[in-house]
Protein backbone atom coordinates (compact mmCIF):
# COMPACT_ATOMS: atom_id res chain seq x y z
CA MET A 1 102.10 81.51 159.08
CA ARG A 2 101.02 84.35 159.35
CA TRP A 3 103.69 86.43 156.74
CA CYS A 4 103.64 83.40 154.81
CA LEU A 5 99.47 84.74 153.84
CA PHE A 6 100.30 88.56 154.26
CA PHE A 7 102.89 87.44 150.94
CA LEU A 8 99.99 85.32 149.13
CA LEU A 9 97.61 87.63 149.59
CA LEU A 10 100.52 90.30 148.03
CA GLY A 11 99.85 88.12 144.95
CA LEU A 12 104.06 86.90 145.87
CA THR A 13 105.58 83.34 146.58
CA VAL A 14 108.42 83.50 149.44
CA ALA A 15 110.77 81.97 146.95
CA ASP A 16 109.75 85.78 145.34
CA LEU A 17 110.49 87.99 148.80
CA GLN A 18 114.32 88.36 147.21
CA ALA A 19 113.46 89.63 143.75
CA GLN A 20 112.21 93.28 143.43
CA VAL A 21 108.76 93.59 142.52
CA PHE A 22 106.28 95.94 141.14
CA VAL A 23 103.06 95.13 144.17
CA PRO A 24 99.80 96.61 144.07
CA ILE A 25 99.12 98.23 147.30
CA GLY A 26 95.32 99.84 146.94
CA HIS A 27 93.26 102.65 145.13
CA MET A 28 93.30 106.10 145.45
CA THR A 29 90.27 107.51 146.03
CA ARG A 30 89.59 108.58 142.86
CA SER A 31 92.29 108.33 139.52
CA ARG A 32 94.22 111.28 138.98
CA ILE A 33 96.66 112.12 135.70
CA GLY A 34 99.27 115.18 136.44
CA HIS A 35 98.73 115.41 140.11
CA SER A 36 101.89 115.64 142.87
CA ALA A 37 102.53 113.30 144.67
CA THR A 38 104.83 114.62 147.95
CA LEU A 39 106.62 112.80 150.87
CA LEU A 40 106.02 114.06 154.27
CA GLN A 41 108.01 114.63 157.51
CA ASP A 42 106.05 111.74 158.73
CA GLY A 43 106.23 109.76 156.37
CA ARG A 44 102.95 109.79 154.82
CA VAL A 45 102.22 111.22 151.01
CA LEU A 46 100.39 114.29 150.14
CA ILE A 47 98.45 113.26 146.83
CA ALA A 48 96.81 116.36 144.76
CA GLY A 49 95.19 117.53 142.18
CA GLY A 50 95.44 115.44 138.64
CA GLU A 51 93.00 116.56 135.49
CA PRO A 52 90.64 117.45 136.46
CA THR A 53 89.94 117.78 140.26
CA GLY A 54 91.00 119.84 143.42
CA SER A 55 90.79 117.39 145.66
CA ALA A 56 93.74 115.54 147.52
CA GLU A 57 94.76 112.18 150.13
CA ILE A 58 97.28 111.15 151.94
CA PHE A 59 99.13 108.04 152.15
CA ASP A 60 100.13 105.72 154.97
CA PRO A 61 102.76 104.00 154.57
CA ASP A 62 102.33 101.94 157.69
CA SER A 63 98.70 100.82 157.10
CA GLY A 64 98.73 100.83 153.00
CA THR A 65 95.81 103.05 152.83
CA PHE A 66 94.55 106.56 150.65
CA SER A 67 92.32 108.89 152.40
CA GLU A 68 90.34 112.31 152.01
CA THR A 69 92.06 115.53 153.12
CA GLY A 70 91.26 119.07 152.69
CA ALA A 71 90.67 120.00 148.56
CA MET A 72 93.34 122.37 147.31
CA THR A 73 91.61 126.14 146.60
CA SER A 74 92.04 125.86 142.87
CA PRO A 75 92.15 122.59 140.77
CA ARG A 76 95.27 122.12 139.40
CA PHE A 77 97.06 120.19 136.63
CA VAL A 78 100.70 119.16 136.11
CA HIS A 79 101.45 121.65 139.46
CA PRO A 80 104.51 121.75 141.49
CA ALA A 81 104.75 120.55 145.04
CA VAL A 82 107.51 121.67 147.43
CA LEU A 83 107.69 120.05 150.49
CA LEU A 84 108.81 123.35 152.89
CA LEU A 85 111.22 122.96 156.42
CA ASP A 86 108.37 123.55 158.79
CA GLY A 87 106.73 120.60 157.08
CA ARG A 88 104.13 122.11 155.59
CA VAL A 89 103.23 121.85 151.19
CA PHE A 90 103.44 124.60 149.13
CA VAL A 91 101.65 124.48 145.73
CA ALA A 92 101.57 126.43 142.55
CA GLY A 93 100.92 126.83 138.77
CA GLY A 94 98.65 123.92 137.09
CA CYS A 95 96.60 125.59 135.70
CA GLY A 96 93.21 124.92 135.74
CA GLU A 97 90.33 127.29 134.14
CA PRO A 98 91.54 130.01 133.60
CA CYS A 99 95.43 130.07 135.08
CA SER A 100 95.47 131.12 138.98
CA ILE A 101 97.57 134.18 140.21
CA ASN A 102 97.72 132.55 143.59
CA ALA A 103 99.70 129.75 145.39
CA GLU A 104 98.46 127.62 148.34
CA ILE A 105 100.11 125.91 151.02
CA TYR A 106 98.84 122.43 152.97
CA ASP A 107 99.35 122.15 156.71
CA PRO A 108 99.29 118.13 157.34
CA ALA A 109 98.78 119.20 161.31
CA THR A 110 95.01 120.82 160.01
CA GLY A 111 94.47 118.93 156.79
CA THR A 112 93.78 121.72 155.41
CA PHE A 113 95.30 124.23 152.22
CA THR A 114 94.97 128.04 152.50
CA PRO A 115 95.67 130.94 150.05
CA THR A 116 98.32 132.39 150.52
CA GLY A 117 100.86 135.31 148.65
CA ASN A 118 99.85 136.09 144.30
CA MET A 119 102.25 135.75 142.50
CA SER A 120 103.00 138.76 139.89
CA VAL A 121 101.13 137.95 136.59
CA ALA A 122 98.47 135.19 136.58
CA GLN A 123 99.85 131.98 134.91
CA ASP A 124 101.24 128.17 134.87
CA VAL A 125 104.16 127.28 136.85
CA SER A 126 106.74 124.56 134.70
CA ALA A 127 109.18 124.75 138.07
CA ALA A 128 109.39 125.03 141.58
CA VAL A 129 112.57 124.57 143.82
CA LEU A 130 113.26 124.66 147.76
CA LEU A 131 116.28 126.59 148.50
CA ARG A 132 118.88 126.08 150.77
CA ASN A 133 117.67 130.13 152.40
CA GLY A 134 114.01 127.70 153.22
CA LYS A 135 112.47 129.92 150.30
CA VAL A 136 111.01 128.94 147.02
CA LEU A 137 112.02 129.56 142.93
CA VAL A 138 109.12 130.12 140.61
CA VAL A 139 109.35 129.48 137.10
CA GLY A 140 106.60 129.78 135.61
CA TYR A 141 106.10 130.17 131.83
CA LEU A 142 105.91 134.34 131.91
CA THR A 143 108.00 135.22 135.33
CA ALA A 144 110.62 133.49 137.58
CA GLU A 145 110.15 134.53 141.49
CA LEU A 146 111.37 133.34 144.92
CA PHE A 147 108.17 132.92 147.77
CA ASP A 148 108.98 133.56 151.54
CA PRO A 149 107.26 131.17 153.35
CA ALA A 150 107.94 133.68 156.16
CA SER A 151 105.82 136.59 154.84
CA GLY A 152 103.37 134.61 152.04
CA ARG A 153 104.93 136.72 149.55
CA PHE A 154 106.75 136.98 146.43
CA GLU A 155 109.81 138.37 145.26
CA TYR A 156 109.65 139.09 141.20
CA LEU A 157 113.33 138.00 139.33
CA GLY A 158 112.20 138.67 135.72
CA HIS A 159 111.37 137.66 132.31
CA SER A 160 111.30 133.50 132.53
CA MET A 161 113.83 131.45 130.29
CA LEU A 162 110.32 130.50 129.08
CA TYR A 163 109.15 133.61 127.62
CA GLY A 164 107.38 132.76 124.91
CA ASN A 165 108.37 129.39 124.84
CA SER A 166 105.35 127.81 125.37
CA GLN A 167 105.78 124.90 123.94
CA PHE A 168 108.80 123.46 126.44
CA VAL A 169 108.69 122.08 130.13
CA ILE A 170 111.49 122.99 132.31
CA THR A 171 112.58 121.23 135.46
CA ALA A 172 114.92 122.76 138.30
CA THR A 173 116.84 120.42 140.38
CA LEU A 174 118.84 121.85 143.55
CA LEU A 175 122.14 121.11 143.06
CA SER A 176 124.92 120.28 146.30
CA ASN A 177 126.28 123.72 146.40
CA GLY A 178 122.84 125.51 146.78
CA THR A 179 122.45 126.45 143.02
CA VAL A 180 119.67 125.00 140.47
CA LEU A 181 120.62 123.40 137.57
CA LEU A 182 116.97 124.17 134.64
CA TYR A 183 116.65 122.33 131.95
CA GLY A 184 113.74 122.64 129.15
CA TYR A 185 115.42 125.73 127.20
CA GLY A 186 118.52 125.20 127.36
CA PRO A 187 120.36 124.12 130.71
CA TRP A 188 120.46 126.95 133.30
CA ILE A 189 122.10 127.81 136.47
CA PHE A 190 119.94 129.70 138.97
CA ASP A 191 122.69 131.57 142.27
CA PRO A 192 120.71 132.20 145.18
CA THR A 193 123.63 134.08 146.62
CA THR A 194 123.23 136.70 143.60
CA LYS A 195 119.69 135.82 142.65
CA GLN A 196 120.73 135.75 138.75
CA PHE A 197 120.15 132.58 135.58
CA ARG A 198 123.43 131.63 134.03
CA ASP A 199 122.81 130.36 130.61
CA LEU A 200 125.59 127.14 130.67
CA LYS A 201 125.17 128.10 126.85
CA SER A 202 125.56 123.83 125.92
CA ASP A 203 124.00 122.53 122.91
CA TRP A 204 123.37 118.61 124.43
CA ASP A 205 119.46 117.53 123.49
CA SER A 206 118.27 114.98 125.52
CA GLY A 207 114.21 115.40 124.32
CA LEU A 208 112.17 116.65 127.35
CA PRO A 209 114.15 115.53 129.91
CA PRO A 210 113.18 114.50 133.52
CA PRO A 211 115.86 114.31 136.25
CA THR A 212 117.10 112.06 138.84
CA ALA A 213 119.78 114.01 141.32
CA MET A 214 121.90 111.26 142.59
CA LEU A 215 124.25 110.25 145.13
CA GLY A 216 127.27 110.86 143.35
CA GLY A 217 126.18 114.25 142.85
CA SER A 218 125.74 113.91 139.13
CA VAL A 219 122.37 114.18 137.53
CA LEU A 220 120.52 111.76 135.29
CA PHE A 221 118.69 112.49 132.47
CA ARG A 222 116.47 110.13 130.91
CA ALA A 223 115.99 108.96 127.18
CA THR A 224 112.36 110.23 126.11
CA SER A 225 110.69 109.43 122.79
CA ALA A 226 112.48 112.35 121.25
CA PRO A 227 113.95 112.03 119.02
CA TYR A 228 112.29 108.61 118.90
CA ASN A 229 115.52 107.08 117.83
CA ASP A 230 117.60 108.25 120.83
CA HIS A 231 117.74 105.04 123.37
CA ASN A 232 121.12 107.42 124.87
CA SER A 233 121.04 108.63 128.70
CA GLY A 234 121.92 111.85 130.24
CA LEU A 235 125.00 112.84 133.01
CA TYR A 236 125.24 116.28 134.19
CA ASP A 237 128.68 116.90 135.75
CA PRO A 238 127.75 119.88 138.80
CA ALA A 239 131.39 120.37 138.76
CA THR A 240 132.78 120.68 135.15
CA GLU A 241 128.61 121.87 134.70
CA THR A 242 128.65 119.91 131.31
CA PHE A 243 126.50 116.95 129.87
CA ASN A 244 127.95 113.69 128.16
CA TYR A 245 126.01 111.14 127.43
CA GLY A 246 125.28 108.41 129.71
CA PRO A 247 124.65 104.29 129.07
CA LEU A 248 121.97 102.72 126.44
CA THR A 249 118.45 102.35 127.27
CA ASN A 250 116.62 99.44 126.08
CA MET A 251 113.43 101.34 124.75
CA PRO A 252 113.40 105.80 124.80
CA ARG A 253 110.50 107.15 127.32
CA GLU A 254 108.39 110.08 127.35
CA TYR A 255 106.58 111.38 130.31
CA ALA A 256 108.44 108.45 132.31
CA THR A 257 109.17 108.72 136.26
CA GLY A 258 112.54 108.67 136.98
CA THR A 259 113.72 107.86 141.53
CA LEU A 260 116.50 107.52 143.18
CA LEU A 261 116.80 104.09 145.44
CA GLN A 262 118.87 104.01 148.56
CA ASP A 263 121.30 102.17 147.50
CA GLY A 264 122.21 104.98 144.69
CA ARG A 265 120.71 103.07 141.57
CA VAL A 266 118.05 104.38 139.99
CA LEU A 267 115.04 103.44 138.25
CA LEU A 268 113.10 104.43 135.50
CA ALA A 269 109.67 103.17 135.33
CA GLY A 270 106.57 103.20 132.72
CA GLY A 271 106.19 105.98 130.26
CA PHE A 272 104.47 106.86 126.58
CA HIS A 273 106.54 105.03 123.42
CA VAL A 274 105.46 106.05 120.07
CA ILE A 275 104.93 102.88 118.93
CA ARG A 276 104.37 100.40 121.83
CA GLY A 277 102.27 103.35 123.25
CA LEU A 278 101.47 103.23 127.45
CA LEU A 279 104.80 101.35 129.03
CA GLY A 280 104.59 99.19 132.33
CA SER A 281 108.13 97.40 131.90
CA ALA A 282 110.31 99.03 133.76
CA GLU A 283 114.51 99.39 133.62
CA MET A 284 117.45 100.26 136.55
CA TYR A 285 120.47 102.71 136.16
CA ASP A 286 123.32 101.24 138.35
CA PRO A 287 125.83 103.57 138.71
CA ALA A 288 128.06 101.17 140.43
CA THR A 289 128.36 99.50 136.39
CA GLY A 290 127.32 102.84 134.60
CA ARG A 291 124.73 100.06 132.43
CA ILE A 292 120.90 100.59 132.34
CA THR A 293 119.34 97.41 132.99
CA GLN A 294 115.71 95.88 131.54
CA LEU A 295 114.10 94.34 135.08
CA ALA A 296 112.59 90.70 134.24
CA ALA A 297 109.67 92.46 136.62
CA SER A 298 106.94 95.38 135.36
CA MET A 299 104.32 97.48 136.51
CA ARG A 300 100.62 96.05 137.11
CA LEU A 301 99.64 98.56 134.76
CA ASN A 302 101.24 100.01 131.48
CA ARG A 303 100.62 103.71 132.79
CA ASP A 304 102.46 107.69 131.76
CA THR A 305 102.49 110.93 132.96
CA HIS A 306 102.34 108.79 136.49
CA ARG A 307 104.03 109.59 139.78
CA ALA A 308 106.62 107.62 141.62
CA THR A 309 107.62 108.78 145.50
CA ARG A 310 110.28 106.73 146.93
CA LEU A 311 109.12 106.20 150.47
CA ARG A 312 111.09 106.43 153.82
CA ASP A 313 111.46 102.52 153.66
CA GLY A 314 113.10 102.28 150.38
CA ARG A 315 109.93 100.95 148.80
CA VAL A 316 108.56 103.12 145.54
CA LEU A 317 104.84 104.47 145.99
CA ILE A 318 103.95 104.36 142.22
CA THR A 319 100.07 106.62 141.41
CA GLY A 320 97.40 107.70 139.24
CA GLY A 321 98.95 108.34 135.84
CA ARG A 322 97.24 107.47 131.78
CA THR A 323 95.93 103.65 132.05
CA ILE A 324 93.94 103.70 129.55
CA LEU A 325 94.85 105.56 125.76
CA THR A 326 92.19 106.15 123.10
CA ASN A 327 92.21 108.46 120.15
CA SER A 328 89.92 111.07 122.14
CA LEU A 329 90.39 109.80 125.62
CA SER A 330 92.53 108.95 128.17
CA ILE A 331 91.54 107.11 131.28
CA SER A 332 93.68 106.30 135.31
CA ASP A 333 92.86 103.79 137.47
CA THR A 334 92.94 103.97 140.92
CA LEU A 335 95.09 101.11 141.00
CA ALA A 336 98.38 102.36 142.45
CA GLU A 337 101.58 99.68 143.57
CA VAL A 338 105.06 100.20 144.86
CA PHE A 339 108.00 99.15 143.98
CA VAL A 340 110.04 96.59 146.47
CA PRO A 341 113.76 96.76 146.10
CA GLU A 342 115.69 92.73 147.05
CA THR A 343 117.48 95.38 149.28
CA THR A 344 114.78 96.39 151.87
CA GLN A 345 113.76 92.69 151.80
CA GLY A 346 114.53 90.22 154.74
CA ILE A 347 116.61 91.86 157.36
CA VAL A 348 117.98 94.98 157.20
CA PRO A 349 119.67 97.34 159.05
CA ARG A 350 118.46 99.62 161.95
CA LEU A 351 119.58 102.94 162.23
CA ALA A 352 118.28 105.46 165.03
CA LEU A 353 119.17 109.08 166.34
CA ASP A 354 118.52 110.67 169.87
CA ARG A 355 115.88 112.85 168.49
CA THR A 356 115.30 114.17 164.94
CA ARG A 357 115.34 118.30 165.25
CA TYR A 358 117.87 119.96 165.98
CA CYS A 359 120.21 124.15 166.87
CA VAL A 360 123.42 124.24 165.24
CA GLY A 361 125.36 123.68 168.05
CA ASP A 362 123.61 120.45 169.35
CA SER A 363 125.12 117.15 169.51
CA TRP A 364 123.60 113.99 168.52
CA ARG A 365 124.26 110.33 169.17
CA LEU A 366 123.61 107.64 166.06
CA GLN A 367 122.89 103.50 166.68
CA ALA A 368 122.58 101.34 164.10
CA ASP A 369 122.35 97.22 164.96
CA THR A 370 121.44 93.76 163.06
CA VAL A 371 123.90 94.85 161.04
CA PRO A 372 126.63 92.09 159.68
CA PRO A 373 130.05 91.98 162.11
CA ASP A 374 133.00 94.00 161.16
CA THR A 375 131.12 95.05 158.20
CA ALA A 376 131.42 97.83 156.00
CA ILE A 377 128.45 100.48 156.14
CA GLN A 378 128.20 103.39 153.98
CA ILE A 379 125.18 106.70 155.24
CA SER A 380 123.62 108.74 152.79
CA GLY A 381 120.38 110.57 152.04
CA THR A 382 119.01 113.49 151.03
CA TRP A 383 119.55 117.27 152.12
CA ASP A 384 116.39 119.49 151.03
CA GLU A 385 116.38 116.24 148.53
CA THR A 386 120.04 117.02 147.09
CA PRO A 387 121.50 113.03 147.56
CA TRP A 388 124.77 113.10 149.60
CA THR A 389 126.94 109.63 150.23
CA ILE A 390 129.67 108.90 152.31
CA PRO A 391 130.44 105.87 151.00
CA ASN A 392 133.00 104.06 153.37
CA TRP A 393 131.89 106.36 156.96
CA THR A 394 132.59 102.78 158.95
CA THR A 395 132.13 99.92 159.55
CA SER A 396 130.35 97.84 162.35
CA GLY A 397 131.68 96.05 165.56
CA GLN A 398 132.07 92.50 166.73
CA ASP A 399 128.34 92.64 167.70
CA GLY A 400 127.02 94.05 164.44
CA THR A 401 125.78 97.94 166.24
CA VAL A 402 127.48 100.81 165.83
CA VAL A 403 127.84 104.40 167.80
CA ALA A 404 128.11 107.49 167.05
CA SER A 405 128.26 110.83 168.26
CA GLY A 406 129.32 114.51 167.27
CA GLU A 407 127.69 118.51 167.42
CA PHE A 408 126.23 119.85 163.87
CA GLY A 409 127.99 122.86 162.70
CA PRO A 410 126.43 126.24 160.75
CA ASP A 411 126.49 124.62 157.05
CA THR A 412 124.14 121.86 158.23
CA VAL A 413 121.07 123.97 158.86
CA GLY A 414 118.67 122.37 156.75
CA ASP A 415 116.05 118.90 156.65
CA TYR A 416 117.52 115.44 156.33
CA GLN A 417 116.88 112.38 155.40
CA VAL A 418 119.29 109.58 156.33
CA TRP A 419 119.75 105.84 155.85
CA ILE A 420 122.64 103.09 155.98
CA GLN A 421 123.59 100.30 152.92
CA ALA A 422 125.64 97.41 154.61
CA ARG A 423 125.84 94.45 152.35
CA GLY A 424 123.32 94.60 149.91
CA LYS A 425 120.92 95.73 152.50
CA VAL A 426 119.57 99.85 153.57
CA SER A 427 117.76 101.20 156.40
CA LYS A 428 114.69 102.44 157.26
CA SER A 429 115.48 106.03 156.53
CA VAL A 430 114.51 108.57 159.56
CA PHE A 431 113.88 112.42 159.28
CA VAL A 432 116.39 115.02 160.96
CA SER A 433 115.90 118.26 160.83
CA ILE A 434 118.62 121.04 161.37
CA ARG A 435 117.72 124.81 162.41
CA ASN A 436 119.52 128.40 163.51
CA CYS A 437 118.19 128.86 166.88
CA SER A 438 117.26 131.13 169.05
CA GLY A 439 117.18 131.41 173.46
CA GLY A 440 112.95 130.59 173.04
CA ASP A 441 113.48 128.80 170.58
CA ARG A 442 115.26 125.59 171.71
């Protein structure tokens, strides 16, 4: 009875529970447009900045509440935020008045932001991404630089490909081979081993290209309203370094979000349409069928420039963005909502590892239960934000359990989110950190 009452309070009926829905989850402490939303190692979400503030707050998925945390040292808007290997969050760019030369780091243990090293020049930053070596590639509108969290210093790499092209926005996606795909002003590849940028010299154009890395290694670019009549999505294949048109969307979506779900599908939500204005509708890309379909469910608010963050239980937290537009004003509502995929409802597999932190050479033991008997299991996850999957990993026993063990090799260093899928249901992800350890670090 208590669970039925809980779902009714959320605006759901018992019959809705196996359908994918958007559900209001509560209100942020303030409205935000162009903020960052970063999943922390403990499963909470850091929400920081946005027009026109330097304030920050924490979302706790266990309690469903938002609470204030320490403010940033500078107001930032449309800035990148990167989760570092040690669990802190690196933030740079997002010009206030004027653009800042400094970056800062948020420490979840203390709830505070602290200034770190300076970039070589004051500039806005278009993209930042964590590399396999623990450093952060920062691409601004003037320079490209590497930030080293260990020393707190920036290394100048050269002029940015955006130098003199401030009308463009570039995105950075870490690929499975450790290189970075940069897109916005033509596609480029950054190789961390050589610290060199390589122009792919492709004339493929997706308009504004918000990308989503997928479980199979390819990258999905969704259609936007530039050109206005283009409903094509695009797919980048890292193996061949080529772009190809993907399936048709129901409508172009500028400033929308694309979020990888645990079962490999991609949720496309909200955005702006040149005729219809702000959108609350959503679509789903399914790589298994190669199709994009319109969802029956819509967000509770029409919004763009919002943030969508996949939580460890498979839900997607949606926060902020423009929710009301007039000729001279953009307004953001504080209401947040979660998308609840059908794969996370009902009885789902449970996954556990014997530890969360390992050193190279350590043995590991994994156990799963509440899996249907004699059922094929897919194991998936992210490795420093790069998705990976093993489709036919193992089969559950007659009692619906799985036990596996092994040893972590030298090529496994990094941070992982790991989950399993069986018969259309996914487990909550577990966090795993693997390091090269010296004697005192073990």
